[in-house]
C-alpha atoms as a PDB file:
ATOM      1  CA  MET A   1      -9.175  -1.244  15.538  1.00  0.00           C
ATOM      2  CA  ILE A   2      -6.488  -0.652  12.915  1.00  0.00           C
ATOM      3  CA  GLY A   3      -6.273  -3.047   9.982  1.00  0.00           C
ATOM      4  CA  ILE A   4      -2.849  -3.476   8.397  1.00  0.00           C
ATOM      5  CA  ILE A   5      -2.338  -5.345   5.133  1.00  0.00           C
ATOM      6  CA  GLY A   6       0.926  -6.369   3.499  1.00  0.00           C
ATOM      7  CA  ALA A   7       1.513  -8.653   0.550  1.00  0.00           C
ATOM      8  CA  MET A   8       4.491 -10.626   1.870  1.00  0.00           C
ATOM      9  CA  ASP A   9       5.866 -12.004   5.131  1.00  0.00           C
ATOM     10  CA  SER A  10       8.621  -9.379   5.111  1.00  0.00           C
ATOM     11  CA  GLU A  11       5.942  -6.672   5.155  1.00  0.00           C
ATOM     12  CA  THR A  12       3.931  -8.093   8.067  1.00  0.00           C
ATOM     13  CA  ASP A  13       6.046 -10.359  10.301  1.00  0.00           C
ATOM     14  CA  GLY A  14       7.866  -7.508  12.019  1.00  0.00           C
ATOM     15  CA  LEU A  15       4.575  -6.012  13.143  1.00  0.00           C
ATOM     16  CA  ILE A  16       3.100  -9.336  14.232  1.00  0.00           C
ATOM     17  CA  LYS A  17       6.147  -9.893  16.468  1.00  0.00           C
ATOM     18  CA  LYS A  18       5.266  -6.689  18.340  1.00  0.00           C
ATOM     19  CA  MET A  19       1.714  -7.855  19.025  1.00  0.00           C
ATOM     20  CA  GLU A  20       0.525  -8.782  22.525  1.00  0.00           C
ATOM     21  CA  ASN A  21      -1.542 -11.973  22.839  1.00  0.00           C
ATOM     22  CA  PRO A  22      -1.812 -12.606  19.103  1.00  0.00           C
ATOM     23  CA  ARG A  23      -4.743 -14.684  17.866  1.00  0.00           C
ATOM     24  CA  GLU A  24      -4.673 -16.272  14.421  1.00  0.00           C
ATOM     25  CA  ARG A  25      -7.522 -17.172  12.090  1.00  0.00           C
ATOM     26  CA  ILE A  26      -7.330 -18.534   8.546  1.00  0.00           C
ATOM     27  CA  ILE A  27     -10.123 -17.206   6.340  1.00  0.00           C
ATOM     28  CA  SER A  28     -10.149 -17.611   2.542  1.00  0.00           C
ATOM     29  CA  SER A  29      -6.626 -19.072   2.842  1.00  0.00           C
ATOM     30  CA  ILE A  30      -5.417 -15.789   4.385  1.00  0.00           C
ATOM     31  CA  LYS A  31      -3.949 -15.643   7.894  1.00  0.00           C
ATOM     32  CA  PHE A  32      -5.343 -12.827  10.034  1.00  0.00           C
ATOM     33  CA  THR A  33      -3.544 -12.065  13.308  1.00  0.00           C
ATOM     34  CA  SER A  34      -5.300  -9.858  15.848  1.00  0.00           C
ATOM     35  CA  GLY A  35      -4.125  -8.451  19.162  1.00  0.00           C
ATOM     36  CA  LYS A  36      -2.773  -5.258  20.671  1.00  0.00           C
ATOM     37  CA  ILE A  37       0.270  -3.187  19.747  1.00  0.00           C
ATOM     38  CA  PHE A  38       1.076  -0.529  22.361  1.00  0.00           C
ATOM     39  CA  GLY A  39      -2.408  -1.139  23.731  1.00  0.00           C
ATOM     40  CA  THR A  40      -4.137  -0.463  20.410  1.00  0.00           C
ATOM     41  CA  ASP A  41      -6.314  -3.170  18.840  1.00  0.00           C
ATOM     42  CA  CYS A  42      -4.874  -4.246  15.499  1.00  0.00           C
ATOM     43  CA  VAL A  43      -5.464  -6.934  12.910  1.00  0.00           C
ATOM     44  CA  ILE A  44      -2.668  -7.781  10.473  1.00  0.00           C
ATOM     45  CA  ALA A  45      -2.925  -9.858   7.316  1.00  0.00           C
ATOM     46  CA  LYS A  46      -0.551 -11.038   4.612  1.00  0.00           C
ATOM     47  CA  CYS A  47      -2.782 -10.899   1.571  1.00  0.00           C
ATOM     48  CA  GLY A  48      -0.438 -12.340  -1.047  1.00  0.00           C
ATOM     49  CA  ILE A  49       0.730 -10.593  -4.201  1.00  0.00           C
ATOM     50  CA  GLY A  50      -1.710  -9.045  -6.659  1.00  0.00           C
ATOM     51  CA  LYS A  51      -4.997  -7.214  -6.847  1.00  0.00           C
ATOM     52  CA  VAL A  52      -7.437 -10.111  -6.423  1.00  0.00           C
ATOM     53  CA  ASN A  53      -5.643 -11.439  -3.327  1.00  0.00           C
ATOM     54  CA  ALA A  54      -5.568  -7.927  -1.883  1.00  0.00           C
ATOM     55  CA  ALA A  55      -9.257  -7.336  -2.575  1.00  0.00           C
ATOM     56  CA  VAL A  56     -10.329 -10.658  -1.012  1.00  0.00           C
ATOM     57  CA  CYS A  57      -8.206  -9.907   2.049  1.00  0.00           C
ATOM     58  CA  THR A  58      -9.556  -6.378   2.464  1.00  0.00           C
ATOM     59  CA  GLN A  59     -13.219  -7.336   2.140  1.00  0.00           C
ATOM     60  CA  THR A  60     -12.759 -10.263   4.515  1.00  0.00           C
ATOM     61  CA  MET A  61     -10.995  -8.061   7.056  1.00  0.00           C
ATOM     62  CA  ILE A  62     -13.817  -5.519   6.919  1.00  0.00           C
ATOM     63  CA  LEU A  63     -16.559  -8.136   7.328  1.00  0.00           C
ATOM     64  CA  GLU A  64     -14.827 -10.184  10.031  1.00  0.00           C
ATOM     65  CA  TYR A  65     -13.007  -7.519  12.077  1.00  0.00           C
ATOM     66  CA  SER A  66     -14.747  -4.178  11.361  1.00  0.00           C
ATOM     67  CA  PRO A  67     -11.558  -2.069  11.445  1.00  0.00           C
ATOM     68  CA  ASP A  68     -11.941   1.683  11.874  1.00  0.00           C
ATOM     69  CA  LYS A  69      -9.216   2.251   9.287  1.00  0.00           C
ATOM     70  CA  ILE A  70      -6.945   0.211   7.026  1.00  0.00           C
ATOM     71  CA  ILE A  71      -3.306   0.827   6.152  1.00  0.00           C
ATOM     72  CA  ASN A  72      -1.582  -0.950   3.290  1.00  0.00           C
ATOM     73  CA  SER A  73       2.119  -1.033   4.124  1.00  0.00           C
ATOM     74  CA  GLY A  74       5.050  -2.456   2.224  1.00  0.00           C
ATOM     75  CA  ILE A  75       7.400  -1.802  -0.663  1.00  0.00           C
ATOM     76  CA  ALA A  76       7.042  -0.264  -4.111  1.00  0.00           C
ATOM     77  CA  GLY A  77       8.975   0.656  -7.223  1.00  0.00           C
ATOM     78  CA  SER A  78       9.757   4.222  -8.173  1.00  0.00           C
ATOM     79  CA  THR A  79       8.042   5.780 -11.187  1.00  0.00           C
ATOM     80  CA  SER A  80       9.431   9.267 -10.681  1.00  0.00           C
ATOM     81  CA  ASP A  81      12.714  11.082 -10.186  1.00  0.00           C
ATOM     82  CA  LYS A  82      11.210  12.259  -6.873  1.00  0.00           C
ATOM     83  CA  THR A  83      11.400   8.771  -5.354  1.00  0.00           C
ATOM     84  CA  HIS A  84      14.513   6.640  -4.903  1.00  0.00           C
ATOM     85  CA  ILE A  85      15.620   3.491  -3.078  1.00  0.00           C
ATOM     86  CA  GLY A  86      15.065   3.999   0.633  1.00  0.00           C
ATOM     87  CA  SER A  87      12.619   6.871   0.289  1.00  0.00           C
ATOM     88  CA  VAL A  88       9.050   6.547   1.518  1.00  0.00           C
ATOM     89  CA  VAL A  89       5.809   7.344  -0.289  1.00  0.00           C
ATOM     90  CA  ILE A  90       2.552   8.209   1.452  1.00  0.00           C
ATOM     91  CA  ALA A  91      -0.327   8.018  -0.997  1.00  0.00           C
ATOM     92  CA  GLU A  92      -2.642  10.954  -1.520  1.00  0.00           C
ATOM     93  CA  ASN A  93      -4.663   8.724  -3.833  1.00  0.00           C
ATOM     94  CA  VAL A  94      -4.446   5.438  -5.709  1.00  0.00           C
ATOM     95  CA  VAL A  95      -5.047   4.492  -9.333  1.00  0.00           C
ATOM     96  CA  GLN A  96      -5.051   1.185 -11.228  1.00  0.00           C
ATOM     97  CA  HIS A  97      -2.752   1.626 -14.225  1.00  0.00           C
ATOM     98  CA  ASP A  98      -3.698  -1.696 -15.827  1.00  0.00           C
ATOM     99  CA  PHE A  99      -7.466  -1.067 -15.909  1.00  0.00           C
ATOM    100  CA  ASP A 100      -7.857  -0.146 -19.549  1.00  0.00           C
ATOM    101  CA  THR A 101     -11.074   0.367 -21.517  1.00  0.00           C
ATOM    102  CA  THR A 102      -9.628   3.121 -23.690  1.00  0.00           C
ATOM    103  CA  VAL A 103     -10.513   1.172 -26.849  1.00  0.00           C
ATOM    104  CA  ILE A 104     -14.185   2.053 -26.249  1.00  0.00           C
ATOM    105  CA  GLY A 105     -13.481   5.691 -25.465  1.00  0.00           C
ATOM    106  CA  ASP A 106     -12.873   5.729 -21.711  1.00  0.00           C
ATOM    107  CA  GLU A 107      -9.922   7.369 -19.981  1.00  0.00           C
ATOM    108  CA  LEU A 108      -7.162   5.034 -18.892  1.00  0.00           C
ATOM    109  CA  ALA A 109      -7.671   3.638 -15.362  1.00  0.00           C
ATOM    110  CA  THR A 110     -11.344   4.584 -15.101  1.00  0.00           C
ATOM    111  CA  LEU A 111     -13.082   2.143 -12.737  1.00  0.00           C
ATOM    112  CA  PHE A 112     -16.766   1.285 -13.049  1.00  0.00           C
ATOM    113  CA  LEU A 113     -18.389   0.675  -9.677  1.00  0.00           C
ATOM    114  CA  PRO A 114     -21.424  -1.445  -8.707  1.00  0.00           C
ATOM    115  CA  ASP A 115     -23.602   1.644  -8.160  1.00  0.00           C
ATOM    116  CA  ASP A 116     -23.075   2.663 -11.815  1.00  0.00           C
ATOM    117  CA  THR A 117     -20.678   5.483 -10.933  1.00  0.00           C
ATOM    118  CA  SER A 118     -17.098   5.680 -12.145  1.00  0.00           C
ATOM    119  CA  VAL A 119     -13.880   6.870 -10.546  1.00  0.00           C
ATOM    120  CA  LYS A 120     -10.265   7.122 -11.667  1.00  0.00           C
ATOM    121  CA  TYR A 121      -8.282   8.286  -8.648  1.00  0.00           C
ATOM    122  CA  ILE A 122      -9.488   6.986  -5.281  1.00  0.00           C
ATOM    123  CA  PRO A 123      -8.553   9.422  -2.501  1.00  0.00           C
ATOM    124  CA  CYS A 124      -6.904   8.271   0.702  1.00  0.00           C
ATOM    125  CA  ASP A 125      -8.422   9.361   3.990  1.00  0.00           C
ATOM    126  CA  GLU A 126      -7.247  12.902   4.769  1.00  0.00           C
ATOM    127  CA  GLU A 127      -6.921  12.388   8.524  1.00  0.00           C
ATOM    128  CA  LEU A 128      -4.992   9.116   8.241  1.00  0.00           C
ATOM    129  CA  PHE A 129      -2.799  10.619   5.519  1.00  0.00           C
ATOM    130  CA  ALA A 130      -1.987  13.572   7.780  1.00  0.00           C
ATOM    131  CA  GLU A 131      -1.199  11.288  10.735  1.00  0.00           C
ATOM    132  CA  LEU A 132       1.222   9.221   8.670  1.00  0.00           C
ATOM    133  CA  LYS A 133       2.893  12.405   7.406  1.00  0.00           C
ATOM    134  CA  GLN A 134       3.307  13.649  10.971  1.00  0.00           C
ATOM    135  CA  THR A 135       4.755  10.302  12.000  1.00  0.00           C
ATOM    136  CA  CYS A 136       7.325  10.366   9.198  1.00  0.00           C
ATOM    137  CA  SER A 137       8.210  13.977  10.000  1.00  0.00           C
ATOM    138  CA  GLY A 138       9.003  12.962  13.571  1.00  0.00           C
ATOM    139  CA  LEU A 139      11.410  10.172  12.618  1.00  0.00           C
ATOM    140  CA  ALA A 140      15.087  10.707  11.921  1.00  0.00           C
ATOM    141  CA  ASP A 141      16.472   9.800   8.495  1.00  0.00           C
ATOM    142  CA  ILE A 142      13.066   9.262   6.866  1.00  0.00           C
ATOM    143  CA  ASP A 143      12.938  10.845   3.419  1.00  0.00           C
ATOM    144  CA  PHE A 144       9.305  10.858   2.368  1.00  0.00           C
ATOM    145  CA  THR A 145       7.142  12.333  -0.322  1.00  0.00           C
ATOM    146  CA  THR A 146       3.426  12.233  -1.118  1.00  0.00           C
ATOM    147  CA  GLY A 147       1.489  11.683  -4.306  1.00  0.00           C
ATOM    148  CA  THR A 148      -0.290   9.110  -6.443  1.00  0.00           C
ATOM    149  CA  VAL A 149       0.488   5.406  -6.098  1.00  0.00           C
ATOM    150  CA  ALA A 150      -0.323   3.253  -9.142  1.00  0.00           C
ATOM    151  CA  THR A 151      -1.337  -0.404  -8.889  1.00  0.00           C
ATOM    152  CA  GLY A 152      -1.391  -3.174 -11.450  1.00  0.00           C
ATOM    153  CA  ASP A 153      -0.945  -6.923 -11.782  1.00  0.00           C
ATOM    154  CA  GLN A 154       2.531  -6.466 -13.230  1.00  0.00           C
ATOM    155  CA  PHE A 155       6.041  -6.117 -11.833  1.00  0.00           C
ATOM    156  CA  ILE A 156       7.227  -3.004 -13.648  1.00  0.00           C
ATOM    157  CA  GLY A 157      10.853  -3.639 -14.511  1.00  0.00           C
ATOM    158  CA  THR A 158      11.806  -1.125 -17.212  1.00  0.00           C
ATOM    159  CA  ARG A 159      12.438   2.604 -17.090  1.00  0.00           C
ATOM    160  CA  GLU A 160      10.248   3.082 -20.136  1.00  0.00           C
ATOM    161  CA  LYS A 161       7.173   1.515 -18.527  1.00  0.00           C
ATOM    162  CA  ARG A 162       7.766   3.299 -15.206  1.00  0.00           C
ATOM    163  CA  PHE A 163       7.903   6.709 -16.849  1.00  0.00           C
ATOM    164  CA  GLU A 164       4.955   5.803 -19.066  1.00  0.00           C
ATOM    165  CA  ILE A 165       2.890   5.262 -15.894  1.00  0.00           C
ATOM    166  CA  ASN A 166       4.177   8.527 -14.463  1.00  0.00           C
ATOM    167  CA  GLU A 167       3.378  10.481 -17.598  1.00  0.00           C
ATOM    168  CA  ALA A 168      -0.071   8.966 -18.077  1.00  0.00           C
ATOM    169  CA  LEU A 169      -1.258   9.018 -14.463  1.00  0.00           C
ATOM    170  CA  GLY A 170       1.120  11.214 -12.461  1.00  0.00           C
ATOM    171  CA  ALA A 171       2.128   8.317 -10.217  1.00  0.00           C
ATOM    172  CA  ILE A 172       5.337   8.515  -8.185  1.00  0.00           C
ATOM    173  CA  ALA A 173       5.383   4.822  -7.221  1.00  0.00           C
ATOM    174  CA  CYS A 174       3.939   1.549  -8.476  1.00  0.00           C
ATOM    175  CA  GLU A 175       3.020  -1.711  -6.764  1.00  0.00           C
ATOM    176  CA  MET A 176       0.514  -4.557  -7.018  1.00  0.00           C
ATOM    177  CA  GLU A 177      -2.074  -4.253  -4.204  1.00  0.00           C
ATOM    178  CA  GLY A 178      -2.815  -0.727  -2.973  1.00  0.00           C
ATOM    179  CA  GLY A 179      -5.285   0.314  -5.668  1.00  0.00           C
ATOM    180  CA  SER A 180      -7.527  -2.690  -5.088  1.00  0.00           C
ATOM    181  CA  ILE A 181      -7.340  -2.252  -1.311  1.00  0.00           C
ATOM    182  CA  GLY A 182      -8.334   1.358  -1.844  1.00  0.00           C
ATOM    183  CA  GLN A 183     -11.244   0.384  -4.100  1.00  0.00           C
ATOM    184  CA  VAL A 184     -12.642  -2.074  -1.556  1.00  0.00           C
ATOM    185  CA  CYS A 185     -12.287   0.482   1.249  1.00  0.00           C
ATOM    186  CA  TYR A 186     -13.941   3.128  -0.942  1.00  0.00           C
ATOM    187  CA  LEU A 187     -16.912   0.865  -1.617  1.00  0.00           C
ATOM    188  CA  ASN A 188     -17.237   0.096   2.109  1.00  0.00           C
ATOM    189  CA  LYS A 189     -16.599   3.706   3.242  1.00  0.00           C
ATOM    190  CA  ILE A 190     -13.608   2.636   5.355  1.00  0.00           C
ATOM    191  CA  PRO A 191     -10.792   5.191   5.799  1.00  0.00           C
ATOM    192  CA  PHE A 192      -7.564   3.935   4.247  1.00  0.00           C
ATOM    193  CA  CYS A 193      -4.076   5.024   3.271  1.00  0.00           C
ATOM    194  CA  ILE A 194      -1.078   3.471   1.524  1.00  0.00           C
ATOM    195  CA  LEU A 195       2.491   3.736   2.837  1.00  0.00           C
ATOM    196  CA  ARG A 196       5.277   2.283   0.730  1.00  0.00           C
ATOM    197  CA  SER A 197       9.066   2.211   0.960  1.00  0.00           C
ATOM    198  CA  ILE A 198      10.915   2.248  -2.362  1.00  0.00           C
ATOM    199  CA  SER A 199      12.879  -0.920  -3.167  1.00  0.00           C
ATOM    200  CA  ASP A 200      13.797  -0.288  -6.824  1.00  0.00           C
ATOM    201  CA  ASP A 201      14.607   2.945  -8.626  1.00  0.00           C
ATOM    202  CA  SER A 202      13.284   4.325 -11.903  1.00  0.00           C
ATOM    203  CA  THR A 203      16.528   6.158 -12.730  1.00  0.00           C
ATOM    204  CA  SER A 204      19.124   3.553 -11.738  1.00  0.00           C
ATOM    205  CA  ASP A 205      21.334   1.752 -14.258  1.00  0.00           C
ATOM    206  CA  GLU A 206      20.917  -1.450 -12.223  1.00  0.00           C
ATOM    207  CA  SER A 207      18.171  -3.877 -13.239  1.00  0.00           C
ATOM    208  CA  ALA A 208      14.900  -3.717 -11.291  1.00  0.00           C
ATOM    209  CA  GLU A 209      15.224  -7.418 -10.444  1.00  0.00           C
ATOM    210  CA  VAL A 210      18.647  -6.962  -8.881  1.00  0.00           C
ATOM    211  CA  GLU A 211      17.574  -3.875  -6.952  1.00  0.00           C
ATOM    212  CA  TYR A 212      14.393  -5.534  -5.716  1.00  0.00           C
ATOM    213  CA  ASN A 213      16.251  -8.612  -4.494  1.00  0.00           C
ATOM    214  CA  THR A 214      18.883  -6.414  -2.838  1.00  0.00           C
ATOM    215  CA  PHE A 215      16.704  -3.805  -1.149  1.00  0.00           C
ATOM    216  CA  ALA A 216      13.257  -5.390  -0.607  1.00  0.00           C
ATOM    217  CA  GLN A 217      14.021  -6.524   2.940  1.00  0.00           C
ATOM    218  CA  SER A 218      15.455  -3.212   4.130  1.00  0.00           C
ATOM    219  CA  ALA A 219      12.608  -1.320   2.460  1.00  0.00           C
ATOM    220  CA  SER A 220      10.069  -3.556   4.219  1.00  0.00           C
ATOM    221  CA  GLU A 221      11.775  -2.932   7.564  1.00  0.00           C
ATOM    222  CA  LYS A 222      11.580   0.827   7.029  1.00  0.00           C
ATOM    223  CA  ALA A 223       7.841   0.644   6.368  1.00  0.00           C
ATOM    224  CA  ILE A 224       7.388  -1.478   9.511  1.00  0.00           C
ATOM    225  CA  GLU A 225       9.383   1.079  11.517  1.00  0.00           C
ATOM    226  CA  ILE A 226       7.025   3.836  10.401  1.00  0.00           C
ATOM    227  CA  ILE A 227       3.822   1.884  11.052  1.00  0.00           C
ATOM    228  CA  THR A 228       5.125   0.913  14.497  1.00  0.00           C
ATOM    229  CA  ALA A 229       5.875   4.555  15.264  1.00  0.00           C
ATOM    230  CA  TYR A 230       2.430   5.556  14.013  1.00  0.00           C
ATOM    231  CA  ILE A 231       0.640   3.070  16.278  1.00  0.00           C
ATOM    232  CA  LYS A 232       2.750   4.146  19.253  1.00  0.00           C
ATOM    233  CA  ARG A 233       2.018   7.790  18.500  1.00  0.00           C
ATOM    234  CA  ILE A 234      -1.759   7.386  18.468  1.00  0.00           C
ATOM    235  CA  SER A 235      -1.939   4.931  21.376  1.00  0.00           C
END
């Protein structure tokens, strides 16, 4: 079974519409829809915006549905001149840019796990990452790049902050859920990857708010197109 998590209706509804015999359950105020897409068992959830919502959704999905892998799909903002509106990012790893204990001597974004280990960059599953790359390579007019995706409970709306995240952590995109989804999957040893379509640009003269409101829907549709193609490809 493939688990797919998006934060908003625009990131999940298009996939749910492709599902055969969908079955809905509400758990922890989150709607989970399970069924088959191209004959492959899938469960799709709209987690809501932010890291806590995403973490609750991911852990619940793992406990209730036991997915073999989890994909976080949706939109993101650019933090690099390598990524622009309409381009796609496949995460090699994820990092939480707002986790900050530097005042006591730690590196920015270092996470402290329940088993007393620490980690900064959480790697995406190599096989799933490669499959998503192959899917994007086989689609016309998909401009994609790979790298670090940064997560935080902030909408990053200024060039200065975007490039600060890039300089500090090497991230090429930022969003508000993927890092926490990755952390939960890492703790549960569930393969995961993040695929995001860029809705607002780090180098544009237009405001991030205007760009987001203009391009969020089309960016969501592009991510759905890729995930649909991926499921069809592996089915």
